[in-house]
């Protein structure tokens, strides 16, 4: 009996590896592992900072790039949306830095396609915004065809995709998808 149980366990493990490497569901698992690994590393580096004098600087750090979340204009956190429903999330943010925002975008963080995910484009433009002024950023989304909780986040980037506010919390949407 122990031998049969051991063989079944090994067979299940082999099937899981095959699914992980050769199917769309496996791609989703790999994407999730990469996304949460990056998120974990970001969290760890916030609490255990690295001596930045030893790192090559790739982006200037400046208070001129700061933003302030003002409000969710549409789709409040925890809103209920129907499966497959198309909707628009709108955030209002304020430029609290000392430079205008020009050629800035929100880039979706983590996987943005696949079963059980909110579908959206990878990038949306942030309107030109002077210091001290507010803007509204709109993202078109489609709810998945399976009920459940969904969460997606975006970070501000320049036209080359460089993250401009690496230490700032991302803008996000969190909804419950219902039938």
N, C-alpha and C. Protein backbone atom coordinates (compact mmCIF):
# COMPACT_ATOMS: atom_id res chain seq x y z
N UNK A 1 0.82 -1.19 0.00
CA UNK A 1 0.00 0.00 0.00
C UNK A 1 0.86 1.26 0.00
N UNK A 2 1.94 1.28 0.79
CA UNK A 2 2.83 2.44 0.83
C UNK A 2 3.49 2.68 -0.52
N UNK A 3 3.81 1.60 -1.24
CA UNK A 3 4.45 1.74 -2.55
C UNK A 3 3.47 2.38 -3.53
N UNK A 4 2.22 1.95 -3.50
CA UNK A 4 1.21 2.52 -4.41
C UNK A 4 1.00 4.00 -4.09
N UNK A 5 0.89 4.33 -2.81
CA UNK A 5 0.73 5.73 -2.41
C UNK A 5 1.93 6.57 -2.86
N UNK A 6 3.12 6.04 -2.73
CA UNK A 6 4.33 6.74 -3.18
C UNK A 6 4.33 6.95 -4.68
N UNK A 7 3.93 5.93 -5.45
CA UNK A 7 3.87 6.05 -6.92
C UNK A 7 2.82 7.07 -7.35
N UNK A 8 1.68 7.07 -6.69
CA UNK A 8 0.63 8.04 -7.01
C UNK A 8 1.12 9.46 -6.71
N UNK A 9 1.82 9.64 -5.60
CA UNK A 9 2.37 10.95 -5.24
C UNK A 9 3.38 11.41 -6.28
N UNK A 10 4.26 10.55 -6.70
CA UNK A 10 5.26 10.89 -7.71
C UNK A 10 4.58 11.22 -9.03
N UNK A 11 3.57 10.42 -9.43
CA UNK A 11 2.84 10.69 -10.68
C UNK A 11 2.15 12.04 -10.60
N UNK A 12 1.54 12.37 -9.47
CA UNK A 12 0.89 13.66 -9.30
C UNK A 12 1.88 14.81 -9.39
N UNK A 13 3.04 14.62 -8.83
CA UNK A 13 4.09 15.64 -8.90
C UNK A 13 4.54 15.85 -10.35
N UNK A 14 4.72 14.78 -11.10
CA UNK A 14 5.13 14.89 -12.51
C UNK A 14 4.06 15.59 -13.32
N UNK A 15 2.80 15.25 -13.10
CA UNK A 15 1.70 15.91 -13.82
C UNK A 15 1.67 17.39 -13.48
N UNK A 16 1.87 17.74 -12.22
CA UNK A 16 1.88 19.15 -11.82
C UNK A 16 2.99 19.92 -12.53
N UNK A 17 4.16 19.31 -12.66
CA UNK A 17 5.27 19.96 -13.36
C UNK A 17 4.93 20.15 -14.83
N UNK A 18 4.33 19.14 -15.45
CA UNK A 18 3.93 19.26 -16.86
C UNK A 18 2.94 20.39 -17.03
N UNK A 19 1.94 20.46 -16.16
CA UNK A 19 0.96 21.55 -16.22
C UNK A 19 1.65 22.89 -16.04
N UNK A 20 2.59 22.97 -15.10
CA UNK A 20 3.28 24.22 -14.81
C UNK A 20 4.07 24.73 -16.01
N UNK A 21 4.66 23.84 -16.78
CA UNK A 21 5.53 24.28 -17.87
C UNK A 21 4.86 24.31 -19.23
N UNK A 22 3.78 23.59 -19.44
CA UNK A 22 3.29 23.44 -20.80
C UNK A 22 1.85 23.88 -21.03
N UNK A 23 1.21 24.53 -20.10
CA UNK A 23 -0.18 24.95 -20.31
C UNK A 23 -0.34 26.43 -19.99
N UNK A 24 -1.47 26.97 -20.45
CA UNK A 24 -1.80 28.37 -20.16
C UNK A 24 -1.97 28.58 -18.67
N UNK A 25 -2.56 27.61 -17.99
CA UNK A 25 -2.72 27.71 -16.54
C UNK A 25 -1.34 27.76 -15.87
N UNK A 26 -0.40 26.99 -16.40
CA UNK A 26 0.95 27.01 -15.87
C UNK A 26 1.60 28.36 -16.07
N UNK A 27 1.33 28.99 -17.22
CA UNK A 27 1.87 30.33 -17.48
C UNK A 27 1.35 31.31 -16.44
N UNK A 28 0.07 31.17 -16.10
CA UNK A 28 -0.50 32.03 -15.07
C UNK A 28 0.18 31.81 -13.72
N UNK A 29 0.46 30.55 -13.38
CA UNK A 29 1.16 30.25 -12.13
C UNK A 29 2.56 30.86 -12.14
N UNK A 30 3.28 30.71 -13.27
CA UNK A 30 4.63 31.30 -13.37
C UNK A 30 4.56 32.82 -13.25
N UNK A 31 3.58 33.45 -13.94
CA UNK A 31 3.43 34.90 -13.84
C UNK A 31 3.16 35.33 -12.41
N UNK A 32 2.30 34.58 -11.71
CA UNK A 32 2.01 34.90 -10.30
C UNK A 32 3.25 34.78 -9.43
N UNK A 33 4.03 33.74 -9.64
CA UNK A 33 5.26 33.54 -8.86
C UNK A 33 6.21 34.70 -9.09
N UNK A 34 6.39 35.11 -10.36
CA UNK A 34 7.28 36.24 -10.66
C UNK A 34 6.77 37.52 -10.02
N UNK A 35 5.46 37.78 -10.16
CA UNK A 35 4.88 39.01 -9.64
C UNK A 35 5.04 39.09 -8.12
N UNK A 36 4.64 38.02 -7.41
CA UNK A 36 4.71 38.06 -5.95
C UNK A 36 6.15 38.01 -5.45
N UNK A 37 7.05 37.42 -6.21
CA UNK A 37 8.47 37.44 -5.83
C UNK A 37 9.00 38.87 -5.88
N UNK A 38 8.69 39.59 -6.98
CA UNK A 38 9.12 40.99 -7.09
C UNK A 38 8.50 41.83 -5.98
N UNK A 39 7.22 41.60 -5.71
CA UNK A 39 6.54 42.36 -4.67
C UNK A 39 7.15 42.09 -3.30
N UNK A 40 7.49 40.82 -3.03
CA UNK A 40 8.13 40.45 -1.78
C UNK A 40 9.49 41.12 -1.65
N UNK A 41 10.28 41.09 -2.74
CA UNK A 41 11.60 41.72 -2.70
C UNK A 41 11.49 43.22 -2.48
N UNK A 42 10.49 43.86 -3.10
CA UNK A 42 10.28 45.29 -2.89
C UNK A 42 9.95 45.55 -1.43
N UNK A 43 9.10 44.72 -0.85
CA UNK A 43 8.73 44.87 0.56
C UNK A 43 9.95 44.70 1.47
N UNK A 44 10.77 43.70 1.20
CA UNK A 44 11.96 43.42 2.00
C UNK A 44 12.95 44.59 1.91
N UNK A 45 13.16 45.11 0.70
CA UNK A 45 14.13 46.20 0.56
C UNK A 45 13.65 47.49 1.24
N UNK A 46 12.32 47.65 1.40
CA UNK A 46 11.82 48.81 2.14
C UNK A 46 12.21 48.70 3.62
N UNK A 47 12.14 47.48 4.16
CA UNK A 47 12.39 47.28 5.59
C UNK A 47 13.86 47.02 5.91
N UNK A 48 14.62 46.57 4.93
CA UNK A 48 16.04 46.31 5.10
C UNK A 48 16.78 46.99 3.97
N UNK A 49 16.94 48.31 4.05
CA UNK A 49 17.54 49.06 2.94
C UNK A 49 18.97 48.64 2.64
N UNK A 50 19.30 48.77 1.37
CA UNK A 50 20.65 48.46 0.89
C UNK A 50 21.44 49.77 0.90
N UNK A 51 22.74 49.68 1.11
CA UNK A 51 23.60 50.87 1.04
C UNK A 51 23.59 51.38 -0.40
N UNK A 52 22.81 52.44 -0.65
CA UNK A 52 22.61 52.92 -2.01
C UNK A 52 23.87 53.53 -2.62
N UNK A 53 24.88 53.85 -1.81
CA UNK A 53 26.11 54.41 -2.38
C UNK A 53 26.86 53.37 -3.21
N UNK A 54 26.54 52.08 -3.01
CA UNK A 54 27.20 51.02 -3.76
C UNK A 54 26.43 50.64 -5.02
N UNK A 55 25.25 51.24 -5.22
CA UNK A 55 24.44 50.90 -6.38
C UNK A 55 24.60 51.95 -7.47
N UNK A 56 24.50 51.51 -8.71
CA UNK A 56 24.51 52.42 -9.84
C UNK A 56 23.13 53.07 -9.92
N UNK A 57 23.09 54.37 -9.92
CA UNK A 57 21.83 55.08 -9.97
C UNK A 57 21.33 55.10 -11.41
N UNK A 58 20.09 54.63 -11.62
CA UNK A 58 19.52 54.63 -12.95
C UNK A 58 18.41 55.66 -13.10
N UNK A 59 17.90 56.17 -11.98
CA UNK A 59 16.85 57.17 -12.03
C UNK A 59 17.14 58.23 -10.98
N UNK A 60 16.93 59.48 -11.32
CA UNK A 60 17.10 60.51 -10.31
C UNK A 60 15.99 60.39 -9.26
N UNK A 61 16.33 60.64 -8.01
CA UNK A 61 15.32 60.68 -6.98
C UNK A 61 15.14 62.13 -6.57
N UNK A 62 13.90 62.56 -6.55
CA UNK A 62 13.64 63.96 -6.29
C UNK A 62 12.22 64.13 -5.80
N UNK A 63 12.03 65.13 -4.96
CA UNK A 63 10.68 65.44 -4.52
C UNK A 63 9.86 66.03 -5.66
N UNK A 64 10.53 66.37 -6.77
CA UNK A 64 9.82 66.97 -7.90
C UNK A 64 8.87 65.99 -8.58
N UNK A 65 8.95 64.73 -8.21
CA UNK A 65 8.14 63.73 -8.89
C UNK A 65 6.97 63.23 -8.06
N UNK A 66 6.72 63.82 -6.93
CA UNK A 66 5.74 63.26 -6.02
C UNK A 66 4.30 63.45 -6.49
N UNK A 67 3.45 62.50 -6.08
CA UNK A 67 2.03 62.61 -6.35
C UNK A 67 1.27 62.28 -5.06
N UNK A 68 0.03 62.68 -5.02
CA UNK A 68 -0.82 62.44 -3.87
C UNK A 68 -2.14 61.88 -4.36
N UNK A 69 -2.53 60.71 -3.85
CA UNK A 69 -3.83 60.14 -4.18
C UNK A 69 -4.90 61.00 -3.53
N UNK A 70 -5.89 61.43 -4.32
CA UNK A 70 -6.99 62.24 -3.80
C UNK A 70 -8.22 61.38 -3.54
N UNK A 71 -8.67 60.65 -4.59
CA UNK A 71 -9.89 59.85 -4.41
C UNK A 71 -10.11 58.90 -5.57
N UNK A 72 -10.95 57.89 -5.31
CA UNK A 72 -11.48 57.05 -6.37
C UNK A 72 -12.69 57.79 -6.91
N UNK A 73 -12.69 58.10 -8.20
CA UNK A 73 -13.82 58.80 -8.80
C UNK A 73 -14.92 57.79 -9.15
N UNK A 74 -14.51 56.62 -9.66
CA UNK A 74 -15.45 55.55 -9.99
C UNK A 74 -14.96 54.25 -9.38
N UNK A 75 -15.83 53.29 -9.26
CA UNK A 75 -15.51 51.94 -8.79
C UNK A 75 -14.72 51.98 -7.48
N UNK A 76 -15.44 52.14 -6.39
CA UNK A 76 -14.80 52.15 -5.07
C UNK A 76 -14.28 50.75 -4.73
N UNK A 77 -13.28 50.67 -3.85
CA UNK A 77 -12.74 49.38 -3.44
C UNK A 77 -13.87 48.50 -2.90
N UNK A 78 -13.86 47.24 -3.33
CA UNK A 78 -14.88 46.30 -2.89
C UNK A 78 -16.17 46.35 -3.68
N UNK A 79 -16.22 47.20 -4.73
CA UNK A 79 -17.43 47.25 -5.56
C UNK A 79 -17.70 45.89 -6.18
N UNK A 80 -18.97 45.64 -6.46
CA UNK A 80 -19.36 44.39 -7.12
C UNK A 80 -19.58 44.68 -8.60
N UNK A 81 -18.99 43.84 -9.45
CA UNK A 81 -19.19 43.95 -10.89
C UNK A 81 -19.57 42.57 -11.42
N UNK A 82 -20.36 42.54 -12.47
CA UNK A 82 -20.82 41.28 -13.06
C UNK A 82 -19.69 40.66 -13.88
N UNK A 83 -19.72 39.33 -13.99
CA UNK A 83 -18.71 38.62 -14.79
C UNK A 83 -18.76 39.17 -16.22
N UNK A 84 -17.58 39.38 -16.81
CA UNK A 84 -17.47 39.87 -18.19
C UNK A 84 -17.83 41.33 -18.39
N UNK A 85 -18.18 42.04 -17.31
CA UNK A 85 -18.61 43.45 -17.41
C UNK A 85 -17.43 44.36 -17.78
N UNK A 86 -17.66 45.27 -18.72
CA UNK A 86 -16.65 46.28 -19.07
C UNK A 86 -16.95 47.53 -18.26
N UNK A 87 -15.90 48.09 -17.65
CA UNK A 87 -16.09 49.27 -16.82
C UNK A 87 -14.83 50.13 -16.87
N UNK A 88 -14.97 51.35 -16.35
CA UNK A 88 -13.83 52.27 -16.34
C UNK A 88 -13.54 52.68 -14.90
N UNK A 89 -12.28 52.51 -14.49
CA UNK A 89 -11.81 52.96 -13.18
C UNK A 89 -11.18 54.32 -13.38
N UNK A 90 -11.55 55.27 -12.52
CA UNK A 90 -10.98 56.62 -12.60
C UNK A 90 -10.45 56.99 -11.21
N UNK A 91 -9.18 57.40 -11.19
CA UNK A 91 -8.56 57.92 -9.97
C UNK A 91 -8.31 59.41 -10.15
N UNK A 92 -8.31 60.13 -9.06
CA UNK A 92 -7.89 61.53 -9.07
C UNK A 92 -6.63 61.64 -8.21
N UNK A 93 -5.57 62.20 -8.80
CA UNK A 93 -4.32 62.39 -8.07
C UNK A 93 -3.85 63.82 -8.25
N UNK A 94 -2.94 64.24 -7.38
CA UNK A 94 -2.44 65.62 -7.41
C UNK A 94 -0.93 65.60 -7.57
N UNK A 95 -0.42 66.49 -8.40
CA UNK A 95 1.02 66.68 -8.58
C UNK A 95 1.50 67.56 -7.42
N UNK A 96 2.18 66.96 -6.44
CA UNK A 96 2.68 67.73 -5.31
C UNK A 96 4.19 67.97 -5.43
N UNK A 97 4.73 67.72 -6.60
CA UNK A 97 6.14 67.99 -6.85
C UNK A 97 6.31 69.40 -7.39
N UNK A 98 7.50 69.67 -7.91
CA UNK A 98 7.77 71.02 -8.43
C UNK A 98 8.02 71.04 -9.94
N UNK A 99 7.72 69.94 -10.64
CA UNK A 99 7.83 69.87 -12.10
C UNK A 99 6.50 69.43 -12.69
N UNK A 100 6.18 69.93 -13.91
CA UNK A 100 4.96 69.44 -14.56
C UNK A 100 5.10 67.96 -14.93
N UNK A 101 3.98 67.27 -14.95
CA UNK A 101 3.96 65.89 -15.43
C UNK A 101 3.73 65.92 -16.93
N UNK A 102 4.70 65.44 -17.64
CA UNK A 102 4.61 65.40 -19.10
C UNK A 102 5.16 64.05 -19.56
N UNK A 103 4.48 63.44 -20.52
CA UNK A 103 4.87 62.12 -21.02
C UNK A 103 4.97 61.10 -19.89
N UNK A 104 3.97 61.08 -19.05
CA UNK A 104 3.90 60.10 -17.96
C UNK A 104 2.74 59.16 -18.21
N UNK A 105 2.90 57.96 -17.65
CA UNK A 105 1.92 56.91 -17.86
C UNK A 105 1.74 56.12 -16.56
N UNK A 106 0.67 55.35 -16.51
CA UNK A 106 0.52 54.32 -15.50
C UNK A 106 0.75 53.00 -16.19
N UNK A 107 1.68 52.21 -15.68
CA UNK A 107 1.96 50.86 -16.19
C UNK A 107 1.34 49.85 -15.25
N UNK A 108 0.66 48.88 -15.81
CA UNK A 108 0.08 47.80 -14.99
C UNK A 108 1.21 46.97 -14.42
N UNK A 109 1.14 46.68 -13.14
CA UNK A 109 2.15 45.89 -12.45
C UNK A 109 1.66 44.44 -12.40
N UNK A 110 2.53 43.52 -12.76
CA UNK A 110 2.16 42.11 -12.72
C UNK A 110 1.37 41.70 -13.94
N UNK A 111 0.94 40.44 -13.97
CA UNK A 111 0.20 39.93 -15.12
C UNK A 111 -1.11 40.68 -15.34
N UNK A 112 -1.47 40.94 -16.60
CA UNK A 112 -2.70 41.68 -16.88
C UNK A 112 -3.60 40.94 -17.87
N UNK A 113 -3.32 39.66 -18.10
CA UNK A 113 -4.16 38.82 -18.96
C UNK A 113 -4.28 37.47 -18.29
N UNK A 114 -5.24 36.71 -18.75
CA UNK A 114 -5.38 35.35 -18.26
C UNK A 114 -6.65 35.13 -17.47
N UNK A 115 -7.00 33.87 -17.27
CA UNK A 115 -8.24 33.54 -16.55
C UNK A 115 -8.23 34.09 -15.13
N UNK A 116 -9.37 34.62 -14.72
CA UNK A 116 -9.51 35.11 -13.35
C UNK A 116 -8.90 36.48 -13.10
N UNK A 117 -8.43 37.14 -14.13
CA UNK A 117 -7.80 38.47 -13.97
C UNK A 117 -8.68 39.57 -14.56
N UNK A 118 -8.57 40.75 -13.99
CA UNK A 118 -9.14 41.92 -14.63
C UNK A 118 -8.30 42.19 -15.88
N UNK A 119 -8.95 42.35 -17.00
CA UNK A 119 -8.22 42.60 -18.25
C UNK A 119 -8.16 44.11 -18.48
N UNK A 120 -6.98 44.56 -18.92
CA UNK A 120 -6.78 45.97 -19.24
C UNK A 120 -5.60 46.07 -20.19
N UNK A 121 -5.40 47.27 -20.70
CA UNK A 121 -4.18 47.51 -21.44
C UNK A 121 -3.00 47.57 -20.47
N UNK A 122 -1.80 47.45 -21.00
CA UNK A 122 -0.60 47.50 -20.17
C UNK A 122 -0.32 48.92 -19.66
N UNK A 123 -0.68 49.94 -20.45
CA UNK A 123 -0.29 51.31 -20.12
C UNK A 123 -1.41 52.28 -20.46
N UNK A 124 -1.58 53.32 -19.60
CA UNK A 124 -2.49 54.43 -19.89
C UNK A 124 -1.75 55.74 -19.67
N UNK A 125 -2.11 56.74 -20.45
CA UNK A 125 -1.46 58.05 -20.37
C UNK A 125 -2.01 58.84 -19.18
N UNK A 126 -1.11 59.55 -18.51
CA UNK A 126 -1.49 60.49 -17.46
C UNK A 126 -1.54 61.87 -18.12
N UNK A 127 -2.63 62.62 -17.95
CA UNK A 127 -2.71 63.94 -18.58
C UNK A 127 -1.61 64.88 -18.09
N UNK A 128 -1.21 65.82 -18.96
CA UNK A 128 -0.25 66.85 -18.57
C UNK A 128 -0.80 67.54 -17.33
N UNK A 129 0.02 67.64 -16.28
CA UNK A 129 -0.45 68.18 -15.00
C UNK A 129 0.62 69.09 -14.41
N UNK A 130 0.26 70.33 -14.15
CA UNK A 130 1.17 71.30 -13.53
C UNK A 130 1.31 71.01 -12.05
N UNK A 131 2.43 71.45 -11.44
CA UNK A 131 2.59 71.31 -9.99
C UNK A 131 1.42 71.97 -9.25
N UNK A 132 0.93 71.30 -8.22
CA UNK A 132 -0.19 71.82 -7.44
C UNK A 132 -1.56 71.53 -8.03
N UNK A 133 -1.60 70.95 -9.23
CA UNK A 133 -2.88 70.66 -9.88
C UNK A 133 -3.21 69.18 -9.79
N UNK A 134 -4.50 68.91 -10.03
CA UNK A 134 -5.01 67.54 -10.01
C UNK A 134 -5.29 67.06 -11.42
N UNK A 135 -5.31 65.74 -11.57
CA UNK A 135 -5.72 65.14 -12.84
C UNK A 135 -6.50 63.87 -12.55
N UNK A 136 -7.25 63.45 -13.54
CA UNK A 136 -7.97 62.19 -13.43
C UNK A 136 -7.40 61.22 -14.45
N UNK A 137 -7.17 59.99 -14.00
CA UNK A 137 -6.58 58.95 -14.85
C UNK A 137 -7.62 57.86 -15.01
N UNK A 138 -7.86 57.47 -16.27
CA UNK A 138 -8.92 56.51 -16.58
C UNK A 138 -8.32 55.23 -17.15
N UNK A 139 -8.78 54.10 -16.63
CA UNK A 139 -8.35 52.79 -17.12
C UNK A 139 -9.59 51.98 -17.48
N UNK A 140 -9.62 51.46 -18.71
CA UNK A 140 -10.72 50.60 -19.13
C UNK A 140 -10.40 49.16 -18.73
N UNK A 141 -11.38 48.51 -18.10
CA UNK A 141 -11.20 47.16 -17.58
C UNK A 141 -12.35 46.26 -18.00
N UNK A 142 -12.06 44.96 -18.03
CA UNK A 142 -13.08 43.94 -18.25
C UNK A 142 -12.94 42.92 -17.14
N UNK A 143 -14.06 42.64 -16.47
CA UNK A 143 -14.06 41.65 -15.40
C UNK A 143 -13.89 40.25 -16.00
N UNK A 144 -13.26 39.34 -15.26
CA UNK A 144 -13.12 37.98 -15.76
C UNK A 144 -14.48 37.28 -15.83
N UNK A 145 -14.51 36.13 -16.47
CA UNK A 145 -15.75 35.37 -16.61
C UNK A 145 -15.96 34.37 -15.48
N UNK A 146 -15.13 34.46 -14.45
CA UNK A 146 -15.30 33.65 -13.26
C UNK A 146 -15.52 34.57 -12.07
N UNK A 147 -16.49 34.25 -11.20
CA UNK A 147 -16.68 35.08 -10.01
C UNK A 147 -15.48 34.96 -9.06
N UNK A 148 -15.28 35.99 -8.28
CA UNK A 148 -14.19 35.99 -7.29
C UNK A 148 -13.71 37.40 -7.04
N UNK A 149 -12.72 37.54 -6.17
CA UNK A 149 -12.12 38.84 -5.88
C UNK A 149 -10.99 39.10 -6.85
N UNK A 150 -10.90 40.33 -7.33
CA UNK A 150 -9.85 40.71 -8.28
C UNK A 150 -9.16 41.97 -7.80
N UNK A 151 -7.86 42.02 -8.04
CA UNK A 151 -7.03 43.15 -7.62
C UNK A 151 -6.01 43.40 -8.72
N UNK A 152 -5.78 44.66 -9.05
CA UNK A 152 -4.75 45.01 -10.03
C UNK A 152 -4.17 46.36 -9.62
N UNK A 153 -2.89 46.57 -9.96
CA UNK A 153 -2.24 47.82 -9.57
C UNK A 153 -1.39 48.40 -10.70
N UNK A 154 -1.15 49.71 -10.60
CA UNK A 154 -0.40 50.47 -11.60
C UNK A 154 0.61 51.38 -10.91
N UNK A 155 1.75 51.60 -11.58
CA UNK A 155 2.79 52.52 -11.10
C UNK A 155 3.05 53.57 -12.19
N UNK A 156 3.45 54.77 -11.75
CA UNK A 156 3.77 55.85 -12.69
C UNK A 156 5.14 55.61 -13.31
N UNK A 157 5.18 55.74 -14.66
CA UNK A 157 6.43 55.55 -15.41
C UNK A 157 6.60 56.67 -16.42
N UNK A 158 7.85 56.79 -16.94
CA UNK A 158 8.08 57.72 -18.05
C UNK A 158 7.83 56.99 -19.37
N UNK A 159 8.09 57.67 -20.50
CA UNK A 159 7.79 57.06 -21.81
C UNK A 159 8.65 55.83 -22.10
N UNK A 160 9.78 55.68 -21.41
CA UNK A 160 10.65 54.50 -21.61
C UNK A 160 10.30 53.36 -20.66
N UNK A 161 9.34 53.59 -19.76
CA UNK A 161 8.93 52.55 -18.82
C UNK A 161 9.68 52.57 -17.50
N UNK A 162 10.51 53.59 -17.26
CA UNK A 162 11.22 53.71 -15.98
C UNK A 162 10.24 54.14 -14.89
N UNK A 163 10.23 53.42 -13.78
CA UNK A 163 9.33 53.77 -12.68
C UNK A 163 9.80 55.08 -12.07
N UNK A 164 8.87 56.04 -11.95
CA UNK A 164 9.22 57.37 -11.47
C UNK A 164 9.09 57.53 -9.96
N UNK A 165 8.21 56.79 -9.35
CA UNK A 165 8.00 56.92 -7.91
C UNK A 165 8.12 55.53 -7.28
N UNK A 166 9.33 54.97 -7.25
CA UNK A 166 9.48 53.57 -6.83
C UNK A 166 9.05 53.30 -5.40
N UNK A 167 9.11 54.27 -4.52
CA UNK A 167 8.76 54.04 -3.11
C UNK A 167 7.32 54.39 -2.79
N UNK A 168 6.59 54.89 -3.79
CA UNK A 168 5.21 55.28 -3.55
C UNK A 168 4.28 54.09 -3.80
N UNK A 169 3.23 53.99 -2.99
CA UNK A 169 2.25 52.92 -3.16
C UNK A 169 1.60 53.04 -4.53
N UNK A 170 1.29 51.92 -5.17
CA UNK A 170 0.66 51.98 -6.49
C UNK A 170 -0.81 52.39 -6.41
N UNK A 171 -1.35 52.86 -7.54
CA UNK A 171 -2.80 53.02 -7.65
C UNK A 171 -3.35 51.63 -7.93
N UNK A 172 -4.55 51.33 -7.41
CA UNK A 172 -5.07 49.98 -7.60
C UNK A 172 -6.58 49.98 -7.71
N UNK A 173 -7.09 48.85 -8.18
CA UNK A 173 -8.52 48.58 -8.20
C UNK A 173 -8.72 47.22 -7.55
N UNK A 174 -9.77 47.14 -6.72
CA UNK A 174 -10.10 45.91 -6.02
C UNK A 174 -11.61 45.73 -6.10
N UNK A 175 -12.06 44.68 -6.79
CA UNK A 175 -13.48 44.46 -6.98
C UNK A 175 -13.84 43.00 -6.70
N UNK A 176 -15.11 42.79 -6.45
CA UNK A 176 -15.66 41.45 -6.31
C UNK A 176 -16.49 41.17 -7.55
N UNK A 177 -16.13 40.13 -8.28
CA UNK A 177 -16.83 39.76 -9.51
C UNK A 177 -17.92 38.76 -9.15
N UNK A 178 -19.16 39.08 -9.55
CA UNK A 178 -20.30 38.24 -9.21
C UNK A 178 -21.01 37.81 -10.48
N UNK A 179 -21.83 36.74 -10.37
CA UNK A 179 -22.61 36.27 -11.54
C UNK A 179 -23.89 37.05 -11.68
